Amino acid sequence: MVGKERSIRTRIKIAKTKRFFGIPLTGSKPKKKFIKKIGLKKGALSRQLNIPQEKEIPMMLLNRIIKAKAGDTIMNPTMIGKRRIKVTRLLERRAIFARTLKRLPKRK
């Protein structure tokens, strides 16, 4: 009986930790992350920064835009696009969205 009690206790502990870490208790697959298709304008951020759409926007530039407050003028740390960039709320939102998409795993 002692052995059975321990196994039940350990099962409960495992179930609690799985529930705590958001792992489904059943055999189902975890939910996939997705971004709902909204009315987004493709290439709008690239056009705003004068970077060709074929080229990738550097992460350093996105982070610099996000850190700055709306109304500030920043210097572009990379050699691509405009040298001086005036940060607007719209530009900041587009940069946040671009960074989020970059961080998502690529589709197969």
C-alpha atoms as a PDB file:
ATOM      1  CA  MET A   1       0.000   0.000   0.000  1.00  0.00           C
ATOM      2  CA  VAL A   2       2.820   2.397   0.749  1.00  0.00           C
ATOM      3  CA  GLY A   3       4.136   2.086  -2.810  1.00  0.00           C
ATOM      4  CA  LYS A   4       0.719   2.872  -4.295  1.00  0.00           C
ATOM      5  CA  GLU A   5       0.298   5.955  -2.118  1.00  0.00           C
ATOM      6  CA  ARG A   6       3.635   7.336  -3.269  1.00  0.00           C
ATOM      7  CA  SER A   7       2.808   6.814  -6.905  1.00  0.00           C
ATOM      8  CA  ILE A   8      -0.528   8.586  -6.465  1.00  0.00           C
ATOM      9  CA  ARG A   9       1.199  11.479  -4.701  1.00  0.00           C
ATOM     10  CA  THR A  10       3.778  11.802  -7.441  1.00  0.00           C
ATOM     11  CA  ARG A  11       1.054  11.682 -10.088  1.00  0.00           C
ATOM     12  CA  ILE A  12      -0.757  14.537  -8.358  1.00  0.00           C
ATOM     13  CA  LYS A  13       2.462  16.575  -8.165  1.00  0.00           C
ATOM     14  CA  ILE A  14       3.159  16.008 -11.854  1.00  0.00           C
ATOM     15  CA  ALA A  15      -0.408  16.960 -12.790  1.00  0.00           C
ATOM     16  CA  LYS A  16      -0.171  20.154 -10.731  1.00  0.00           C
ATOM     17  CA  THR A  17       3.121  21.195 -12.314  1.00  0.00           C
ATOM     18  CA  LYS A  18       1.809  20.460 -15.809  1.00  0.00           C
ATOM     19  CA  ARG A  19      -1.276  22.535 -15.104  1.00  0.00           C
ATOM     20  CA  PHE A  20       0.938  25.295 -13.687  1.00  0.00           C
ATOM     21  CA  PHE A  21       3.181  25.422 -16.756  1.00  0.00           C
ATOM     22  CA  GLY A  22       0.252  25.398 -19.173  1.00  0.00           C
ATOM     23  CA  ILE A  23       0.899  21.919 -20.556  1.00  0.00           C
ATOM     24  CA  PRO A  24      -2.381  20.200 -21.459  1.00  0.00           C
ATOM     25  CA  LEU A  25      -3.152  17.258 -19.184  1.00  0.00           C
ATOM     26  CA  THR A  26      -4.736  15.207 -21.957  1.00  0.00           C
ATOM     27  CA  GLY A  27      -2.927  13.873 -24.986  1.00  0.00           C
ATOM     28  CA  SER A  28      -4.055  16.812 -27.135  1.00  0.00           C
ATOM     29  CA  LYS A  29      -1.582  18.994 -29.006  1.00  0.00           C
ATOM     30  CA  PRO A  30      -0.754  22.453 -27.638  1.00  0.00           C
ATOM     31  CA  LYS A  31      -2.492  25.385 -29.310  1.00  0.00           C
ATOM     32  CA  LYS A  32      -0.643  26.877 -32.263  1.00  0.00           C
ATOM     33  CA  LYS A  33       0.185  30.563 -32.225  1.00  0.00           C
ATOM     34  CA  PHE A  34      -1.250  32.591 -35.059  1.00  0.00           C
ATOM     35  CA  ILE A  35      -1.829  36.194 -35.963  1.00  0.00           C
ATOM     36  CA  LYS A  36      -5.244  36.991 -37.318  1.00  0.00           C
ATOM     37  CA  LYS A  37      -5.168  38.453 -40.820  1.00  0.00           C
ATOM     38  CA  ILE A  38      -6.122  42.065 -40.410  1.00  0.00           C
ATOM     39  CA  GLY A  39      -6.185  44.892 -42.899  1.00  0.00           C
ATOM     40  CA  LEU A  40      -2.432  45.256 -42.970  1.00  0.00           C
ATOM     41  CA  LYS A  41      -0.599  47.140 -45.662  1.00  0.00           C
ATOM     42  CA  LYS A  42       2.264  45.067 -46.989  1.00  0.00           C
ATOM     43  CA  GLY A  43       5.506  46.987 -47.332  1.00  0.00           C
ATOM     44  CA  ALA A  44       4.225  50.072 -45.500  1.00  0.00           C
ATOM     45  CA  LEU A  45       7.043  49.996 -42.941  1.00  0.00           C
ATOM     46  CA  SER A  46       9.646  49.463 -45.662  1.00  0.00           C
ATOM     47  CA  ARG A  47       8.302  52.423 -47.640  1.00  0.00           C
ATOM     48  CA  GLN A  48       8.272  54.587 -44.514  1.00  0.00           C
ATOM     49  CA  LEU A  49      11.932  53.752 -43.844  1.00  0.00           C
ATOM     50  CA  ASN A  50      13.010  53.875 -47.546  1.00  0.00           C
ATOM     51  CA  ILE A  51      14.173  50.252 -47.420  1.00  0.00           C
ATOM     52  CA  PRO A  52      13.467  48.032 -50.459  1.00  0.00           C
ATOM     53  CA  GLN A  53      10.881  45.330 -49.715  1.00  0.00           C
ATOM     54  CA  GLU A  54      13.270  42.597 -50.860  1.00  0.00           C
ATOM     55  CA  LYS A  55      15.733  43.533 -48.107  1.00  0.00           C
ATOM     56  CA  GLU A  56      15.121  42.597 -44.494  1.00  0.00           C
ATOM     57  CA  ILE A  57      14.631  45.374 -41.935  1.00  0.00           C
ATOM     58  CA  PRO A  58      17.389  45.039 -39.309  1.00  0.00           C
ATOM     59  CA  MET A  59      16.289  44.079 -35.800  1.00  0.00           C
ATOM     60  CA  MET A  60      18.557  46.799 -34.369  1.00  0.00           C
ATOM     61  CA  LEU A  61      16.580  49.468 -36.246  1.00  0.00           C
ATOM     62  CA  LEU A  62      13.227  48.041 -35.110  1.00  0.00           C
ATOM     63  CA  ASN A  63      14.377  48.029 -31.482  1.00  0.00           C
ATOM     64  CA  ARG A  64      15.649  51.614 -31.755  1.00  0.00           C
ATOM     65  CA  ILE A  65      12.268  52.754 -33.173  1.00  0.00           C
ATOM     66  CA  ILE A  66      10.323  50.946 -30.454  1.00  0.00           C
ATOM     67  CA  LYS A  67      12.486  52.391 -27.647  1.00  0.00           C
ATOM     68  CA  ALA A  68      12.053  55.978 -28.874  1.00  0.00           C
ATOM     69  CA  LYS A  69       8.972  57.968 -27.932  1.00  0.00           C
ATOM     70  CA  ALA A  70       6.559  59.291 -30.547  1.00  0.00           C
ATOM     71  CA  GLY A  71       7.793  62.665 -31.803  1.00  0.00           C
ATOM     72  CA  ASP A  72      11.498  61.898 -31.332  1.00  0.00           C
ATOM     73  CA  THR A  73      13.958  61.895 -34.218  1.00  0.00           C
ATOM     74  CA  ILE A  74      16.408  58.997 -34.205  1.00  0.00           C
ATOM     75  CA  MET A  75      19.536  58.246 -36.187  1.00  0.00           C
ATOM     76  CA  ASN A  76      19.475  55.005 -38.160  1.00  0.00           C
ATOM     77  CA  PRO A  77      22.177  52.689 -36.706  1.00  0.00           C
ATOM     78  CA  THR A  78      22.351  50.651 -39.933  1.00  0.00           C
ATOM     79  CA  MET A  79      23.490  51.524 -43.452  1.00  0.00           C
ATOM     80  CA  ILE A  80      20.086  50.763 -45.031  1.00  0.00           C
ATOM     81  CA  GLY A  81      17.335  53.329 -45.627  1.00  0.00           C
ATOM     82  CA  LYS A  82      16.901  56.835 -44.247  1.00  0.00           C
ATOM     83  CA  ARG A  83      19.591  58.310 -41.974  1.00  0.00           C
ATOM     84  CA  ARG A  84      17.259  60.319 -39.722  1.00  0.00           C
ATOM     85  CA  ILE A  85      13.834  58.936 -38.856  1.00  0.00           C
ATOM     86  CA  LYS A  86      11.002  60.822 -37.162  1.00  0.00           C
ATOM     87  CA  VAL A  87       9.159  58.351 -34.932  1.00  0.00           C
ATOM     88  CA  THR A  88       5.370  58.529 -35.066  1.00  0.00           C
ATOM     89  CA  ARG A  89       2.907  56.343 -33.200  1.00  0.00           C
ATOM     90  CA  LEU A  90       2.010  54.583 -36.464  1.00  0.00           C
ATOM     91  CA  LEU A  91       5.678  53.885 -37.244  1.00  0.00           C
ATOM     92  CA  GLU A  92       6.149  52.548 -33.713  1.00  0.00           C
ATOM     93  CA  ARG A  93       3.136  50.227 -34.037  1.00  0.00           C
ATOM     94  CA  ARG A  94       4.345  48.926 -37.391  1.00  0.00           C
ATOM     95  CA  ALA A  95       7.808  48.280 -35.925  1.00  0.00           C
ATOM     96  CA  ILE A  96       6.313  46.383 -32.966  1.00  0.00           C
ATOM     97  CA  PHE A  97       4.255  44.257 -35.353  1.00  0.00           C
ATOM     98  CA  ALA A  98       7.284  43.585 -37.589  1.00  0.00           C
ATOM     99  CA  ARG A  99       9.384  42.526 -34.586  1.00  0.00           C
ATOM    100  CA  THR A 100       6.605  40.196 -33.418  1.00  0.00           C
ATOM    101  CA  LEU A 101       6.401  38.561 -36.850  1.00  0.00           C
ATOM    102  CA  LYS A 102      10.183  38.176 -36.997  1.00  0.00           C
ATOM    103  CA  ARG A 103      10.205  36.369 -33.662  1.00  0.00           C
ATOM    104  CA  LEU A 104       7.553  33.837 -34.709  1.00  0.00           C
ATOM    105  CA  PRO A 105       8.875  30.538 -36.043  1.00  0.00           C
ATOM    106  CA  LYS A 106       8.885  30.265 -39.833  1.00  0.00           C
ATOM    107  CA  ARG A 107       6.113  28.232 -41.477  1.00  0.00           C
ATOM    108  CA  LYS A 108       7.040  24.896 -43.006  1.00  0.00           C
END
